[in-house]
Protein backbone atom coordinates (compact mmCIF):
# COMPACT_ATOMS: atom_id res chain seq x y z
CA UNK A 1 -88.30 14.21 151.66
CA UNK A 2 -90.02 11.64 153.96
CA UNK A 3 -89.74 8.05 154.13
CA UNK A 4 -90.38 5.27 156.59
CA UNK A 5 -88.60 2.55 158.71
CA UNK A 6 -89.44 -1.08 158.47
CA UNK A 7 -92.19 -0.83 161.00
CA UNK A 8 -93.69 1.68 159.09
CA UNK A 9 -93.23 4.60 161.20
CA UNK A 10 -92.13 7.89 159.67
CA UNK A 11 -88.67 8.98 159.31
CA UNK A 12 -87.65 12.76 157.79
CA UNK A 13 -85.04 14.79 156.99
CA UNK A 14 -84.43 18.09 158.73
CA UNK A 15 -86.23 20.19 155.97
CA UNK A 16 -89.67 18.31 156.87
CA UNK A 17 -91.98 20.85 158.33
CA UNK A 18 -93.10 19.79 161.79
CA UNK A 19 -90.30 17.61 162.45
CA UNK A 20 -89.56 19.08 165.68
CA UNK A 21 -93.30 18.78 166.79
CA UNK A 22 -93.55 15.08 165.78
CA UNK A 23 -90.54 13.99 167.79
CA UNK A 24 -91.79 15.96 170.46
CA UNK A 25 -95.05 14.11 170.52
CA UNK A 26 -93.30 10.73 170.10
CA UNK A 27 -90.80 11.11 172.54
CA UNK A 28 -92.43 13.40 175.46
CA UNK A 29 -96.00 12.85 177.26
CA UNK A 30 -98.11 16.06 176.73
CA UNK A 31 -98.40 18.64 179.72
CA UNK A 32 -101.82 18.50 180.98
CA UNK A 33 -104.82 17.35 179.21
CA UNK A 34 -105.03 16.47 175.45
CA UNK A 35 -107.06 19.28 173.26
CA UNK A 36 -107.43 16.60 170.48
CA UNK A 37 -108.16 12.82 170.90
CA UNK A 38 -107.82 10.82 167.73
CA UNK A 39 -109.75 7.15 167.91
CA UNK A 40 -108.84 4.29 165.82
CA UNK A 41 -111.05 1.30 165.86
CA UNK A 42 -109.08 -1.60 164.94
CA UNK A 43 -109.73 -5.53 164.35
CA UNK A 44 -106.79 -7.56 162.91
CA UNK A 45 -105.14 -4.79 161.04
CA UNK A 46 -101.24 -5.92 161.83
CA UNK A 47 -100.69 -5.00 158.22
CA UNK A 48 -102.22 -1.46 158.48
CA UNK A 49 -101.79 -0.09 161.90
CA UNK A 50 -98.65 0.99 162.11
CA UNK A 51 -98.31 3.25 158.71
CA UNK A 52 -101.98 4.53 159.96
CA UNK A 53 -100.40 5.55 163.16
CA UNK A 54 -97.23 6.97 161.55
CA UNK A 55 -99.41 9.27 159.14
CA UNK A 56 -102.09 10.70 162.08
CA UNK A 57 -98.85 11.42 164.28
CA UNK A 58 -96.99 13.50 161.48
CA UNK A 59 -100.13 15.27 160.53
CA UNK A 60 -101.71 15.99 163.70
CA UNK A 61 -98.19 17.20 165.36
CA UNK A 62 -98.13 19.70 162.76
CA UNK A 63 -100.99 21.67 164.56
CA UNK A 64 -99.03 22.08 167.40
CA UNK A 65 -101.64 21.28 169.99
CA UNK A 66 -101.50 18.74 172.56
CA UNK A 67 -102.97 15.53 171.71
CA UNK A 68 -103.49 12.09 172.18
CA UNK A 69 -103.99 8.92 169.89
CA UNK A 70 -106.19 5.92 170.97
CA UNK A 71 -105.95 2.53 169.47
CA UNK A 72 -109.22 0.94 170.50
CA UNK A 73 -108.68 -2.99 169.48
CA UNK A 74 -111.90 -5.01 169.16
CA UNK A 75 -110.44 -8.58 170.08
CA UNK A 76 -107.76 -8.64 167.27
CA UNK A 77 -106.49 -12.37 167.13
CA UNK A 78 -103.38 -11.36 165.02
CA UNK A 79 -100.32 -9.11 165.86
CA UNK A 80 -102.46 -5.89 166.30
CA UNK A 81 -102.04 -5.23 169.81
CA UNK A 82 -98.43 -6.08 169.95
CA UNK A 83 -97.28 -3.98 167.36
CA UNK A 84 -99.26 -0.93 169.16
CA UNK A 85 -97.22 -1.75 172.76
CA UNK A 86 -94.23 -2.26 170.95
CA UNK A 87 -94.04 1.61 169.78
CA UNK A 88 -94.10 2.73 173.20
CA UNK A 89 -95.12 6.22 172.41
CA UNK A 90 -95.95 8.03 175.46
CA UNK A 91 -99.32 9.86 173.86
CA UNK A 92 -100.63 6.82 172.52
CA UNK A 93 -102.99 4.36 174.25
CA UNK A 94 -104.08 0.92 173.66
CA UNK A 95 -107.73 -0.18 174.82
CA UNK A 96 -108.48 -3.84 174.74
CA UNK A 97 -111.51 -5.79 174.45
CA UNK A 98 -113.14 -8.94 173.61
CA UNK A 99 -114.82 -8.65 169.90
CA UNK A 100 -118.12 -6.91 169.97
CA UNK A 101 -118.27 -5.00 166.58
CA UNK A 102 -116.93 -1.95 165.07
CA UNK A 103 -119.41 0.25 166.92
CA UNK A 104 -118.42 -1.07 170.52
CA UNK A 105 -114.57 -0.30 169.25
CA UNK A 106 -115.47 3.12 168.65
CA UNK A 107 -117.76 3.73 171.77
CA UNK A 108 -114.92 2.29 174.01
CA UNK A 109 -112.27 4.66 172.65
CA UNK A 110 -114.58 7.65 172.23
CA UNK A 111 -115.53 7.56 176.04
CA UNK A 112 -111.87 6.94 176.64
CA UNK A 113 -110.76 9.85 175.17
CA UNK A 114 -109.98 13.28 176.95
CA UNK A 115 -109.70 15.99 174.37
CA UNK A 116 -111.63 18.56 173.84
CA UNK A 117 -112.46 17.59 170.02
CA UNK A 118 -112.64 13.76 169.54
CA UNK A 119 -112.34 12.10 165.82
CA UNK A 120 -112.81 8.58 165.21
CA UNK A 121 -111.01 7.73 162.11
CA UNK A 122 -110.92 4.23 160.14
CA UNK A 123 -107.62 2.41 160.56
CA UNK A 124 -107.68 1.83 156.69
CA UNK A 125 -107.19 5.61 156.19
CA UNK A 126 -109.92 5.70 153.60
CA UNK A 127 -110.09 9.11 154.51
CA UNK A 128 -106.69 10.82 154.72
CA UNK A 129 -106.21 12.50 158.05
CA UNK A 130 -105.23 15.72 156.32
CA UNK A 131 -108.56 16.41 156.45
CA UNK A 132 -109.21 16.66 159.76
CA UNK A 133 -108.72 20.63 159.96
CA UNK A 134 -111.78 21.14 157.70
CA UNK A 135 -113.92 19.45 160.33
CA UNK A 136 -112.32 20.87 163.36
CA UNK A 137 -113.42 24.67 161.71
CA UNK A 138 -117.04 23.40 161.53
CA UNK A 139 -116.56 23.27 165.36
CA UNK A 140 -114.26 25.99 166.27
CA UNK A 141 -115.67 28.41 163.68
CA UNK A 142 -119.12 27.21 162.84
CA UNK A 143 -120.38 26.18 166.43
CA UNK A 144 -121.05 22.35 165.42
CA UNK A 145 -121.40 19.75 168.12
CA UNK A 146 -120.73 16.78 165.58
CA UNK A 147 -119.07 16.94 162.22
CA UNK A 148 -119.29 14.39 159.56
CA UNK A 149 -116.87 13.64 156.85
CA UNK A 150 -119.26 12.71 153.65
CA UNK A 151 -118.54 10.79 150.56
CA UNK A 152 -121.88 12.04 149.24
CA UNK A 153 -121.68 15.90 149.64
CA UNK A 154 -121.10 18.18 146.97
CA UNK A 155 -117.36 18.69 146.37
CA UNK A 156 -116.88 14.84 147.75
CA UNK A 157 -113.99 12.98 146.07
CA UNK A 158 -114.70 8.95 145.87
CA UNK A 159 -112.31 6.74 144.23
CA UNK A 160 -112.63 2.82 143.39
CA UNK A 161 -115.96 2.39 145.19
CA UNK A 162 -117.69 -0.46 143.61
CA UNK A 163 -121.00 -0.39 141.75
CA UNK A 164 -122.65 -2.45 144.26
CA UNK A 165 -121.38 -0.42 147.09
CA UNK A 166 -122.68 3.22 145.52
CA UNK A 167 -126.02 1.46 144.94
CA UNK A 168 -126.59 0.19 148.22
CA UNK A 169 -124.84 3.25 149.90
CA UNK A 170 -127.80 5.53 147.81
CA UNK A 171 -130.56 3.35 148.71
CA UNK A 172 -129.67 3.34 152.37
CA UNK A 173 -128.83 6.94 152.88
CA UNK A 174 -132.14 7.76 150.81
CA UNK A 175 -134.20 5.57 153.59
CA UNK A 176 -132.15 7.34 156.40
CA UNK A 177 -133.33 10.74 155.22
CA UNK A 178 -137.15 9.89 154.53
CA UNK A 179 -137.43 7.53 157.54
CA UNK A 180 -135.20 9.20 160.34
CA UNK A 181 -135.15 12.98 158.97
CA UNK A 182 -131.48 13.07 159.51
CA UNK A 183 -130.24 15.95 157.24
CA UNK A 184 -127.02 14.20 156.03
CA UNK A 185 -126.22 12.72 152.86
CA UNK A 186 -123.57 10.06 154.22
CA UNK A 187 -124.26 8.91 157.54
CA UNK A 188 -121.66 5.68 157.33
CA UNK A 189 -118.49 7.27 156.24
CA UNK A 190 -115.72 6.37 159.12
CA UNK A 191 -114.48 10.07 159.63
CA UNK A 192 -116.40 11.71 162.49
CA UNK A 193 -115.48 14.56 164.87
CA UNK A 194 -117.30 15.59 168.47
CA UNK A 195 -117.17 17.95 170.95
CA UNK A 196 -116.28 16.18 174.32
CA UNK A 197 -119.58 16.87 175.56
CA UNK A 198 -121.22 15.61 172.20
CA UNK A 199 -119.16 12.55 172.67
CA UNK A 200 -120.13 12.01 176.20
CA UNK A 201 -123.49 12.35 175.90
CA UNK A 202 -123.99 10.47 172.45
CA UNK A 203 -121.65 7.43 172.98
CA UNK A 204 -122.78 7.24 176.49
CA UNK A 205 -126.13 5.78 175.57
CA UNK A 206 -125.07 4.12 172.35
CA UNK A 207 -126.68 0.52 171.98
CA UNK A 208 -125.49 -0.54 168.77
CA UNK A 209 -122.12 -2.19 168.74
CA UNK A 210 -122.30 -3.15 164.72
CA UNK A 211 -121.72 -1.00 161.80
CA UNK A 212 -125.13 0.59 162.29
CA UNK A 213 -123.75 2.61 165.22
CA UNK A 214 -123.13 5.63 163.11
CA UNK A 215 -126.76 6.07 161.93
CA UNK A 216 -127.78 5.83 165.84
CA UNK A 217 -125.59 8.10 167.12
CA UNK A 218 -126.43 10.77 164.54
CA UNK A 219 -130.19 9.89 165.01
CA UNK A 220 -129.46 10.71 168.76
CA UNK A 221 -127.63 13.83 167.97
CA UNK A 222 -130.56 15.21 165.89
CA UNK A 223 -133.07 14.17 168.22
CA UNK A 224 -131.17 16.16 171.12
CA UNK A 225 -130.91 19.21 168.94
CA UNK A 226 -127.39 19.06 168.42
CA UNK A 227 -125.93 20.85 165.60
CA UNK A 228 -124.63 18.60 162.95
CA UNK A 229 -122.17 19.62 160.08
CA UNK A 230 -121.38 17.59 156.78
CA UNK A 231 -118.00 18.24 155.27
CA UNK A 232 -117.19 16.63 151.77
CA UNK A 233 -113.91 14.44 152.03
CA UNK A 234 -111.52 12.61 149.57
CA UNK A 235 -112.61 8.67 149.92
CA UNK A 236 -110.77 5.77 148.61
CA UNK A 237 -112.08 2.26 148.92
CA UNK A 238 -109.03 0.66 150.73
CA UNK A 239 -108.43 -3.19 149.62
CA UNK A 240 -108.59 -5.76 152.23
CA UNK A 241 -112.24 -5.25 153.77
CA UNK A 242 -113.86 -8.35 155.02
CA UNK A 243 -117.12 -6.62 155.13
CA UNK A 244 -119.98 -8.20 153.05
CA UNK A 245 -122.13 -5.52 151.81
CA UNK A 246 -125.50 -7.60 151.55
CA UNK A 247 -125.26 -8.84 155.00
CA UNK A 248 -124.36 -5.36 156.45
CA UNK A 249 -127.35 -3.92 154.49
CA UNK A 250 -129.83 -6.62 155.93
CA UNK A 251 -128.58 -5.79 159.34
CA UNK A 252 -128.67 -2.01 158.80
CA UNK A 253 -132.40 -2.40 157.85
CA UNK A 254 -133.24 -4.27 160.92
CA UNK A 255 -131.10 -1.53 163.22
CA UNK A 256 -133.30 1.04 162.04
CA UNK A 257 -136.65 -0.56 163.54
CA UNK A 258 -134.23 -1.41 166.88
CA UNK A 259 -133.35 2.36 166.85
CA UNK A 260 -136.94 3.67 166.70
CA UNK A 261 -138.32 1.09 169.07
CA UNK A 262 -135.73 1.72 171.49
CA UNK A 263 -136.45 5.17 171.21
CA UNK A 264 -139.98 4.84 171.82
CA UNK A 265 -139.27 2.62 174.73
CA UNK A 266 -137.23 5.09 176.37
CA UNK A 267 -134.02 3.38 176.66
CA UNK A 268 -131.77 6.14 175.52
CA UNK A 269 -132.72 8.17 178.54
CA UNK A 270 -130.00 6.46 180.73
CA UNK A 271 -126.52 5.66 179.92
CA UNK A 272 -125.64 2.07 178.69
CA UNK A 273 -124.47 -0.41 181.27
CA UNK A 274 -121.40 -2.05 179.93
CA UNK A 275 -118.85 -4.35 181.39
CA UNK A 276 -115.61 -2.74 181.94
CA UNK A 277 -112.97 -2.91 179.26
CA UNK A 278 -109.23 -3.40 179.94
CA UNK A 279 -107.13 -0.56 178.96
CA UNK A 280 -103.45 -0.70 178.94
CA UNK A 281 -100.72 1.73 178.04
CA UNK A 282 -98.55 0.20 175.14
CA UNK A 283 -95.32 0.73 176.85
């Protein structure tokens, strides 16, 4: 049986599998570099960040591999940063930046990560972390460089997604497959895993800081000959999103043109020059 404390962190009894592994991760710095890095982009997530950290910490610790957790905060104005710092977990890092957009937050976290395998996952847990091992197997057994969690692949389980979101997603994904020749049925799901080399190469040249960054990253991966795998996942449209689907769709279409233009101009041949961000240990 498991429960949680008032701050959202897990409490477990002695019969829970992996309890010792979780305690060790939560109390002792890992010995040497991590094998796995999990990146959570966050913006005003004070109501969700602690349960999300707790769920990820319990599940990934069960793998019994050295791993780190990174919260990449994108200029939150609520108590998100304060709550992360107060946890004082030795293997949790907090990256702080001014607000740039989700793509910027993910980029900063991915480039700061030190693991051999680097996942970014949305703070709302729309895709449960329990599906991480499915993506990891595509790299360790299938030889993929990039693995995409997909809400549209055969076998995916999608719940609570509005009709508007379904129609828009289908339309935009169709444009992507035809216009960009990316053989992926869902480019935008916030659950993607990369090898360390692929993460460094792709996020090092990423230019889009908004929601279209997923498309940009996959476009670059295909263009550079990386092996991309797609894994069906369970996904739930978590309440509380402040995203306007209409505005996002318009910007997405504009970004399609920008990506093509930048590619023709050769702007992806050099690492992006970005101002340094502030990284702090949440002690």
